[in-house]
Amino acid sequence: MLTFTEKTTILKSFLEDVGHSDTDCFKTDILFYFQDFDPLDSKLSFLNDLDFEEEIIDWVNHIISMIVLKQEEEEEDIFGEFVDWSHLY
């Protein structure tokens, strides 16, 4: 089982490892959200429920997936608002 400090280190390292994927930019956003990774920050309390490195990485990937899905929904709403799709039906 990992210590809280180890968990924050894993989380921060994974978020800092930005590649060339389109979704990797969201890692930077998440990294910015947590800022200094202070162990007393309640935003990091979710780490208490995670015991392994894989769970931490899966958590980040799940959050990124949720961001992408939300973004896609918003894009659909925006296009629907400005484009008349009725001629396609």
PDB file of N, CA and C in Angstrom:
ATOM      1  N   MET A   1       0.841  -1.174   0.000  1.00  0.00           N
ATOM      2  CA  MET A   1       0.000   0.000   0.000  1.00  0.00           C
ATOM      3  C   MET A   1       0.892   1.245   0.000  1.00  0.00           C
ATOM      4  N   LEU A   2       0.492   2.224  -0.770  1.00  0.00           N
ATOM      5  CA  LEU A   2       1.272   3.452  -0.931  1.00  0.00           C
ATOM      6  C   LEU A   2       0.954   4.458   0.173  1.00  0.00           C
ATOM      7  N   THR A   3       1.953   5.244   0.532  1.00  0.00           N
ATOM      8  CA  THR A   3       1.713   6.348   1.455  1.00  0.00           C
ATOM      9  C   THR A   3       1.058   7.482   0.682  1.00  0.00           C
ATOM     10  N   PHE A   4       0.499   8.436   1.403  1.00  0.00           N
ATOM     11  CA  PHE A   4      -0.135   9.568   0.748  1.00  0.00           C
ATOM     12  C   PHE A   4       0.880  10.361  -0.075  1.00  0.00           C
ATOM     13  N   THR A   5       2.070  10.518   0.459  1.00  0.00           N
ATOM     14  CA  THR A   5       3.132  11.230  -0.265  1.00  0.00           C
ATOM     15  C   THR A   5       3.486  10.505  -1.556  1.00  0.00           C
ATOM     16  N   GLU A   6       3.568   9.192  -1.508  1.00  0.00           N
ATOM     17  CA  GLU A   6       3.854   8.412  -2.717  1.00  0.00           C
ATOM     18  C   GLU A   6       2.729   8.579  -3.738  1.00  0.00           C
ATOM     19  N   LYS A   7       1.497   8.592  -3.249  1.00  0.00           N
ATOM     20  CA  LYS A   7       0.352   8.764  -4.140  1.00  0.00           C
ATOM     21  C   LYS A   7       0.389  10.122  -4.841  1.00  0.00           C
ATOM     22  N   THR A   8       0.686  11.168  -4.092  1.00  0.00           N
ATOM     23  CA  THR A   8       0.747  12.496  -4.715  1.00  0.00           C
ATOM     24  C   THR A   8       1.902  12.585  -5.699  1.00  0.00           C
ATOM     25  N   THR A   9       2.993  11.923  -5.388  1.00  0.00           N
ATOM     26  CA  THR A   9       4.143  11.909  -6.300  1.00  0.00           C
ATOM     27  C   THR A   9       3.785  11.194  -7.603  1.00  0.00           C
ATOM     28  N   ILE A  10       3.103  10.078  -7.497  1.00  0.00           N
ATOM     29  CA  ILE A  10       2.680   9.318  -8.679  1.00  0.00           C
ATOM     30  C   ILE A  10       1.723  10.162  -9.514  1.00  0.00           C
ATOM     31  N   LEU A  11       0.751  10.770  -8.849  1.00  0.00           N
ATOM     32  CA  LEU A  11      -0.227  11.600  -9.551  1.00  0.00           C
ATOM     33  C   LEU A  11       0.461  12.752 -10.277  1.00  0.00           C
ATOM     34  N   LYS A  12       1.307  13.459  -9.573  1.00  0.00           N
ATOM     35  CA  LYS A  12       1.997  14.600 -10.173  1.00  0.00           C
ATOM     36  C   LYS A  12       2.889  14.163 -11.335  1.00  0.00           C
ATOM     37  N   SER A  13       3.626  13.076 -11.164  1.00  0.00           N
ATOM     38  CA  SER A  13       4.506  12.583 -12.227  1.00  0.00           C
ATOM     39  C   SER A  13       3.719  12.190 -13.470  1.00  0.00           C
ATOM     40  N   PHE A  14       2.590  11.510 -13.262  1.00  0.00           N
ATOM     41  CA  PHE A  14       1.774  11.095 -14.398  1.00  0.00           C
ATOM     42  C   PHE A  14       1.207  12.309 -15.123  1.00  0.00           C
ATOM     43  N   LEU A  15       0.778  13.300 -14.373  1.00  0.00           N
ATOM     44  CA  LEU A  15       0.218  14.501 -14.992  1.00  0.00           C
ATOM     45  C   LEU A  15       1.272  15.325 -15.718  1.00  0.00           C
ATOM     46  N   GLU A  16       2.489  15.283 -15.226  1.00  0.00           N
ATOM     47  CA  GLU A  16       3.580  16.026 -15.868  1.00  0.00           C
ATOM     48  C   GLU A  16       4.104  15.333 -17.116  1.00  0.00           C
ATOM     49  N   ASP A  17       3.798  14.063 -17.282  1.00  0.00           N
ATOM     50  CA  ASP A  17       4.255  13.287 -18.436  1.00  0.00           C
ATOM     51  C   ASP A  17       3.284  13.507 -19.598  1.00  0.00           C
ATOM     52  N   VAL A  18       3.468  14.609 -20.296  1.00  0.00           N
ATOM     53  CA  VAL A  18       2.582  14.981 -21.389  1.00  0.00           C
ATOM     54  C   VAL A  18       3.226  14.586 -22.708  1.00  0.00           C
ATOM     55  N   GLY A  19       2.500  13.795 -23.469  1.00  0.00           N
ATOM     56  CA  GLY A  19       2.993  13.355 -24.767  1.00  0.00           C
ATOM     57  C   GLY A  19       2.363  14.162 -25.881  1.00  0.00           C
ATOM     58  N   HIS A  20       2.109  13.512 -26.986  1.00  0.00           N
ATOM     59  CA  HIS A  20       1.579  14.192 -28.165  1.00  0.00           C
ATOM     60  C   HIS A  20       0.115  13.851 -28.428  1.00  0.00           C
ATOM     61  N   SER A  21      -0.513  13.199 -27.486  1.00  0.00           N
ATOM     62  CA  SER A  21      -1.912  12.850 -27.640  1.00  0.00           C
ATOM     63  C   SER A  21      -2.779  14.105 -27.514  1.00  0.00           C
ATOM     64  N   ASP A  22      -3.889  14.110 -28.218  1.00  0.00           N
ATOM     65  CA  ASP A  22      -4.817  15.243 -28.135  1.00  0.00           C
ATOM     66  C   ASP A  22      -5.347  15.437 -26.723  1.00  0.00           C
ATOM     67  N   THR A  23      -5.480  14.350 -26.001  1.00  0.00           N
ATOM     68  CA  THR A  23      -6.048  14.445 -24.651  1.00  0.00           C
ATOM     69  C   THR A  23      -5.007  14.758 -23.582  1.00  0.00           C
ATOM     70  N   ASP A  24      -3.742  14.693 -23.920  1.00  0.00           N
ATOM     71  CA  ASP A  24      -2.697  14.984 -22.931  1.00  0.00           C
ATOM     72  C   ASP A  24      -2.739  16.425 -22.438  1.00  0.00           C
ATOM     73  N   CYS A  25      -3.305  17.315 -23.232  1.00  0.00           N
ATOM     74  CA  CYS A  25      -3.407  18.709 -22.789  1.00  0.00           C
ATOM     75  C   CYS A  25      -4.263  18.819 -21.532  1.00  0.00           C
ATOM     76  N   PHE A  26      -5.179  17.882 -21.346  1.00  0.00           N
ATOM     77  CA  PHE A  26      -6.018  17.910 -20.153  1.00  0.00           C
ATOM     78  C   PHE A  26      -5.233  17.553 -18.897  1.00  0.00           C
ATOM     79  N   LYS A  27      -4.138  16.824 -19.067  1.00  0.00           N
ATOM     80  CA  LYS A  27      -3.279  16.533 -17.914  1.00  0.00           C
ATOM     81  C   LYS A  27      -2.747  17.833 -17.319  1.00  0.00           C
ATOM     82  N   THR A  28      -2.387  18.765 -18.188  1.00  0.00           N
ATOM     83  CA  THR A  28      -1.882  20.057 -17.724  1.00  0.00           C
ATOM     84  C   THR A  28      -2.969  20.809 -16.967  1.00  0.00           C
ATOM     85  N   ASP A  29      -4.191  20.731 -17.451  1.00  0.00           N
ATOM     86  CA  ASP A  29      -5.309  21.379 -16.762  1.00  0.00           C
ATOM     87  C   ASP A  29      -5.523  20.791 -15.375  1.00  0.00           C
ATOM     88  N   ILE A  30      -5.458  19.475 -15.281  1.00  0.00           N
ATOM     89  CA  ILE A  30      -5.632  18.808 -13.996  1.00  0.00           C
ATOM     90  C   ILE A  30      -4.471  19.153 -13.070  1.00  0.00           C
ATOM     91  N   LEU A  31      -3.274  19.165 -13.622  1.00  0.00           N
ATOM     92  CA  LEU A  31      -2.086  19.541 -12.845  1.00  0.00           C
ATOM     93  C   LEU A  31      -2.245  20.948 -12.278  1.00  0.00           C
ATOM     94  N   PHE A  32      -2.726  21.857 -13.077  1.00  0.00           N
ATOM     95  CA  PHE A  32      -2.946  23.229 -12.635  1.00  0.00           C
ATOM     96  C   PHE A  32      -4.003  23.285 -11.533  1.00  0.00           C
ATOM     97  N   TYR A  33      -5.019  22.447 -11.641  1.00  0.00           N
ATOM     98  CA  TYR A  33      -6.094  22.414 -10.649  1.00  0.00           C
ATOM     99  C   TYR A  33      -5.554  22.072  -9.261  1.00  0.00           C
ATOM    100  N   PHE A  34      -4.649  21.114  -9.199  1.00  0.00           N
ATOM    101  CA  PHE A  34      -4.102  20.701  -7.901  1.00  0.00           C
ATOM    102  C   PHE A  34      -2.971  21.611  -7.426  1.00  0.00           C
ATOM    103  N   GLN A  35      -2.406  22.377  -8.292  1.00  0.00           N
ATOM    104  CA  GLN A  35      -1.354  23.362  -8.017  1.00  0.00           C
ATOM    105  C   GLN A  35      -0.155  22.769  -7.291  1.00  0.00           C
ATOM    106  N   ASP A  36      -0.052  22.960  -5.996  1.00  0.00           N
ATOM    107  CA  ASP A  36       1.190  22.596  -5.292  1.00  0.00           C
ATOM    108  C   ASP A  36       1.163  21.216  -4.636  1.00  0.00           C
ATOM    109  N   PHE A  37       0.083  20.471  -4.778  1.00  0.00           N
ATOM    110  CA  PHE A  37      -0.036  19.126  -4.234  1.00  0.00           C
ATOM    111  C   PHE A  37       0.215  19.086  -2.726  1.00  0.00           C
ATOM    112  N   ASP A  38      -0.350  20.053  -2.047  1.00  0.00           N
ATOM    113  CA  ASP A  38      -0.252  20.129  -0.590  1.00  0.00           C
ATOM    114  C   ASP A  38      -1.062  18.983   0.021  1.00  0.00           C
ATOM    115  N   PRO A  39      -0.451  18.154   0.867  1.00  0.00           N
ATOM    116  CA  PRO A  39      -1.169  17.021   1.473  1.00  0.00           C
ATOM    117  C   PRO A  39      -2.400  17.444   2.279  1.00  0.00           C
ATOM    118  N   LEU A  40      -2.448  18.682   2.704  1.00  0.00           N
ATOM    119  CA  LEU A  40      -3.594  19.162   3.477  1.00  0.00           C
ATOM    120  C   LEU A  40      -4.737  19.658   2.594  1.00  0.00           C
ATOM    121  N   ASP A  41      -4.497  19.696   1.293  1.00  0.00           N
ATOM    122  CA  ASP A  41      -5.515  20.157   0.353  1.00  0.00           C
ATOM    123  C   ASP A  41      -6.614  19.103   0.229  1.00  0.00           C
ATOM    124  N   SER A  42      -7.829  19.489   0.546  1.00  0.00           N
ATOM    125  CA  SER A  42      -8.951  18.543   0.509  1.00  0.00           C
ATOM    126  C   SER A  42      -9.255  18.036  -0.899  1.00  0.00           C
ATOM    127  N   LYS A  43      -8.796  18.753  -1.931  1.00  0.00           N
ATOM    128  CA  LYS A  43      -9.009  18.300  -3.311  1.00  0.00           C
ATOM    129  C   LYS A  43      -8.286  16.987  -3.581  1.00  0.00           C
ATOM    130  N   LEU A  44      -7.293  16.674  -2.767  1.00  0.00           N
ATOM    131  CA  LEU A  44      -6.533  15.428  -2.956  1.00  0.00           C
ATOM    132  C   LEU A  44      -7.057  14.280  -2.093  1.00  0.00           C
ATOM    133  N   SER A  45      -8.122  14.503  -1.372  1.00  0.00           N
ATOM    134  CA  SER A  45      -8.632  13.470  -0.463  1.00  0.00           C
ATOM    135  C   SER A  45      -9.051  12.189  -1.187  1.00  0.00           C
ATOM    136  N   PHE A  46      -9.398  12.279  -2.464  1.00  0.00           N
ATOM    137  CA  PHE A  46      -9.772  11.089  -3.237  1.00  0.00           C
ATOM    138  C   PHE A  46      -8.646  10.056  -3.246  1.00  0.00           C
ATOM    139  N   LEU A  47      -7.410  10.515  -3.062  1.00  0.00           N
ATOM    140  CA  LEU A  47      -6.267   9.586  -3.058  1.00  0.00           C
ATOM    141  C   LEU A  47      -6.330   8.600  -1.898  1.00  0.00           C
ATOM    142  N   ASN A  48      -7.056   8.952  -0.858  1.00  0.00           N
ATOM    143  CA  ASN A  48      -7.209   8.037   0.279  1.00  0.00           C
ATOM    144  C   ASN A  48      -7.933   6.757  -0.118  1.00  0.00           C
ATOM    145  N   ASP A  49      -8.738   6.834  -1.176  1.00  0.00           N
ATOM    146  CA  ASP A  49      -9.502   5.667  -1.636  1.00  0.00           C
ATOM    147  C   ASP A  49      -8.756   4.827  -2.666  1.00  0.00           C
ATOM    148  N   LEU A  50      -7.590   5.285  -3.064  1.00  0.00           N
ATOM    149  CA  LEU A  50      -6.801   4.575  -4.080  1.00  0.00           C
ATOM    150  C   LEU A  50      -5.563   3.980  -3.425  1.00  0.00           C
ATOM    151  N   ASP A  51      -5.289   2.722  -3.741  1.00  0.00           N
ATOM    152  CA  ASP A  51      -4.188   2.028  -3.072  1.00  0.00           C
ATOM    153  C   ASP A  51      -2.988   1.725  -3.964  1.00  0.00           C
ATOM    154  N   PHE A  52      -3.198   1.772  -5.278  1.00  0.00           N
ATOM    155  CA  PHE A  52      -2.136   1.351  -6.192  1.00  0.00           C
ATOM    156  C   PHE A  52      -1.916   2.388  -7.289  1.00  0.00           C
ATOM    157  N   GLU A  53      -0.729   2.368  -7.857  1.00  0.00           N
ATOM    158  CA  GLU A  53      -0.393   3.297  -8.937  1.00  0.00           C
ATOM    159  C   GLU A  53      -1.381   3.187 -10.095  1.00  0.00           C
ATOM    160  N   GLU A  54      -1.759   1.967 -10.445  1.00  0.00           N
ATOM    161  CA  GLU A  54      -2.681   1.758 -11.555  1.00  0.00           C
ATOM    162  C   GLU A  54      -4.021   2.437 -11.300  1.00  0.00           C
ATOM    163  N   GLU A  55      -4.467   2.435 -10.048  1.00  0.00           N
ATOM    164  CA  GLU A  55      -5.730   3.088  -9.712  1.00  0.00           C
ATOM    165  C   GLU A  55      -5.638   4.605  -9.882  1.00  0.00           C
ATOM    166  N   ILE A  56      -4.506   5.158  -9.550  1.00  0.00           N
ATOM    167  CA  ILE A  56      -4.305   6.603  -9.705  1.00  0.00           C
ATOM    168  C   ILE A  56      -4.311   6.974 -11.183  1.00  0.00           C
ATOM    169  N   ILE A  57      -3.611   6.207 -11.984  1.00  0.00           N
ATOM    170  CA  ILE A  57      -3.562   6.451 -13.429  1.00  0.00           C
ATOM    171  C   ILE A  57      -4.945   6.260 -14.042  1.00  0.00           C
ATOM    172  N   ASP A  58      -5.647   5.216 -13.612  1.00  0.00           N
ATOM    173  CA  ASP A  58      -7.009   4.994 -14.112  1.00  0.00           C
ATOM    174  C   ASP A  58      -7.929   6.151 -13.740  1.00  0.00           C
ATOM    175  N   TRP A  59      -7.747   6.703 -12.540  1.00  0.00           N
ATOM    176  CA  TRP A  59      -8.559   7.839 -12.103  1.00  0.00           C
ATOM    177  C   TRP A  59      -8.340   9.020 -13.040  1.00  0.00           C
ATOM    178  N   VAL A  60      -7.080   9.323 -13.333  1.00  0.00           N
ATOM    179  CA  VAL A  60      -6.766  10.443 -14.236  1.00  0.00           C
ATOM    180  C   VAL A  60      -7.369  10.185 -15.611  1.00  0.00           C
ATOM    181  N   ASN A  61      -7.199   8.992 -16.138  1.00  0.00           N
ATOM    182  CA  ASN A  61      -7.739   8.674 -17.458  1.00  0.00           C
ATOM    183  C   ASN A  61      -9.264   8.774 -17.478  1.00  0.00           C
ATOM    184  N   HIS A  62      -9.904   8.393 -16.383  1.00  0.00           N
ATOM    185  CA  HIS A  62     -11.363   8.505 -16.289  1.00  0.00           C
ATOM    186  C   HIS A  62     -11.787   9.983 -16.300  1.00  0.00           C
ATOM    187  N   ILE A  63     -11.082  10.811 -15.553  1.00  0.00           N
ATOM    188  CA  ILE A  63     -11.391  12.241 -15.525  1.00  0.00           C
ATOM    189  C   ILE A  63     -11.214  12.846 -16.917  1.00  0.00           C
ATOM    190  N   ILE A  64     -10.140  12.473 -17.598  1.00  0.00           N
ATOM    191  CA  ILE A  64      -9.907  12.980 -18.958  1.00  0.00           C
ATOM    192  C   ILE A  64     -11.035  12.538 -19.886  1.00  0.00           C
ATOM    193  N   SER A  65     -11.471  11.296 -19.771  1.00  0.00           N
ATOM    194  CA  SER A  65     -12.586  10.805 -20.591  1.00  0.00           C
ATOM    195  C   SER A  65     -13.850  11.606 -20.341  1.00  0.00           C
ATOM    196  N   MET A  66     -14.108  11.918 -19.076  1.00  0.00           N
ATOM    197  CA  MET A  66     -15.284  12.714 -18.743  1.00  0.00           C
ATOM    198  C   MET A  66     -15.185  14.119 -19.327  1.00  0.00           C
ATOM    199  N   ILE A  67     -14.007  14.707 -19.306  1.00  0.00           N
ATOM    200  CA  ILE A  67     -13.798  16.039 -19.882  1.00  0.00           C
ATOM    201  C   ILE A  67     -14.057  16.006 -21.385  1.00  0.00           C
ATOM    202  N   VAL A  68     -13.518  14.989 -22.054  1.00  0.00           N
ATOM    203  CA  VAL A  68     -13.694  14.865 -23.510  1.00  0.00           C
ATOM    204  C   VAL A  68     -15.171  14.696 -23.850  1.00  0.00           C
ATOM    205  N   LEU A  69     -15.877  13.839 -23.113  1.00  0.00           N
ATOM    206  CA  LEU A  69     -17.302  13.636 -23.376  1.00  0.00           C
ATOM    207  C   LEU A  69     -18.094  14.919 -23.169  1.00  0.00           C
ATOM    208  N   LYS A  70     -17.780  15.639 -22.120  1.00  0.00           N
ATOM    209  CA  LYS A  70     -18.458  16.910 -21.847  1.00  0.00           C
ATOM    210  C   LYS A  70     -18.181  17.917 -22.958  1.00  0.00           C
ATOM    211  N   GLN A  71     -16.951  17.959 -23.408  1.00  0.00           N
ATOM    212  CA  GLN A  71     -16.573  18.878 -24.479  1.00  0.00           C
ATOM    213  C   GLN A  71     -17.322  18.529 -25.770  1.00  0.00           C
ATOM    214  N   GLU A  72     -17.436  17.244 -26.064  1.00  0.00           N
ATOM    215  CA  GLU A  72     -18.154  16.820 -27.266  1.00  0.00           C
ATOM    216  C   GLU A  72     -19.628  17.202 -27.188  1.00  0.00           C
ATOM    217  N   GLU A  73     -20.227  17.048 -26.001  1.00  0.00           N
ATOM    218  CA  GLU A  73     -21.622  17.454 -25.818  1.00  0.00           C
ATOM    219  C   GLU A  73     -21.795  18.942 -26.076  1.00  0.00           C
ATOM    220  N   GLU A  74     -20.887  19.737 -25.542  1.00  0.00           N
ATOM    221  CA  GLU A  74     -20.971  21.187 -25.717  1.00  0.00           C
ATOM    222  C   GLU A  74     -20.794  21.575 -27.176  1.00  0.00           C
ATOM    223  N   GLU A  75     -19.895  20.890 -27.883  1.00  0.00           N
ATOM    224  CA  GLU A  75     -19.701  21.181 -29.305  1.00  0.00           C
ATOM    225  C   GLU A  75     -20.956  20.857 -30.090  1.00  0.00           C
ATOM    226  N   GLU A  76     -21.625  19.738 -29.753  1.00  0.00           N
ATOM    227  CA  GLU A  76     -22.865  19.385 -30.427  1.00  0.00           C
ATOM    228  C   GLU A  76     -23.925  20.446 -30.180  1.00  0.00           C
ATOM    229  N   ASP A  77     -24.018  20.935 -28.949  1.00  0.00           N
ATOM    230  CA  ASP A  77     -24.983  21.978 -28.624  1.00  0.00           C
ATOM    231  C   ASP A  77     -24.684  23.253 -29.402  1.00  0.00           C
ATOM    232  N   ILE A  78     -23.420  23.612 -29.496  1.00  0.00           N
ATOM    233  CA  ILE A  78     -23.026  24.830 -30.206  1.00  0.00           C
ATOM    234  C   ILE A  78     -23.357  24.709 -31.683  1.00  0.00           C
ATOM    235  N   PHE A  79     -23.007  23.568 -32.297  1.00  0.00           N
ATOM    236  CA  PHE A  79     -23.301  23.396 -33.711  1.00  0.00           C
ATOM    237  C   PHE A  79     -24.808  23.395 -33.957  1.00  0.00           C
ATOM    238  N   GLY A  80     -25.542  22.753 -33.077  1.00  0.00           N
ATOM    239  CA  GLY A  80     -26.991  22.702 -33.213  1.00  0.00           C
ATOM    240  C   GLY A  80     -27.626  24.068 -33.111  1.00  0.00           C
ATOM    241  N   GLU A  81     -27.014  24.945 -32.359  1.00  0.00           N
ATOM    242  CA  GLU A  81     -27.541  26.290 -32.157  1.00  0.00           C
ATOM    243  C   GLU A  81     -27.319  27.178 -33.385  1.00  0.00           C
ATOM    244  N   PHE A  82     -26.232  26.958 -34.103  1.00  0.00           N
ATOM    245  CA  PHE A  82     -25.864  27.845 -35.201  1.00  0.00           C
ATOM    246  C   PHE A  82     -26.053  27.248 -36.593  1.00  0.00           C
ATOM    247  N   VAL A  83     -26.328  25.963 -36.659  1.00  0.00           N
ATOM    248  CA  VAL A  83     -26.452  25.311 -37.960  1.00  0.00           C
ATOM    249  C   VAL A  83     -27.833  24.680 -38.059  1.00  0.00           C
ATOM    250  N   ASP A  84     -28.485  24.909 -39.173  1.00  0.00           N
ATOM    251  CA  ASP A  84     -29.792  24.294 -39.415  1.00  0.00           C
ATOM    252  C   ASP A  84     -29.573  22.938 -40.073  1.00  0.00           C
ATOM    253  N   TRP A  85     -29.827  21.877 -39.313  1.00  0.00           N
ATOM    254  CA  TRP A  85     -29.607  20.520 -39.793  1.00  0.00           C
ATOM    255  C   TRP A  85     -30.879  19.911 -40.405  1.00  0.00           C
ATOM    256  N   SER A  86     -31.971  20.650 -40.409  1.00  0.00           N
ATOM    257  CA  SER A  86     -33.259  20.096 -40.827  1.00  0.00           C
ATOM    258  C   SER A  86     -33.260  19.593 -42.262  1.00  0.00           C
ATOM    259  N   HIS A  87     -32.452  20.202 -43.122  1.00  0.00           N
ATOM    260  CA  HIS A  87     -32.418  19.764 -44.532  1.00  0.00           C
ATOM    261  C   HIS A  87     -31.802  18.367 -44.697  1.00  0.00           C
ATOM    262  N   LEU A  88     -31.188  17.838 -43.651  1.00  0.00           N
ATOM    263  CA  LEU A  88     -30.600  16.502 -43.726  1.00  0.00           C
ATOM    264  C   LEU A  88     -31.597  15.407 -43.431  1.00  0.00           C
ATOM    265  N   TYR A  89     -32.759  15.765 -42.950  1.00  0.00           N
ATOM    266  CA  TYR A  89     -33.736  14.743 -42.554  1.00  0.00           C
ATOM    267  C   TYR A  89     -34.812  14.568 -43.572  1.00  0.00           C
TER     268      TYR A  89
END
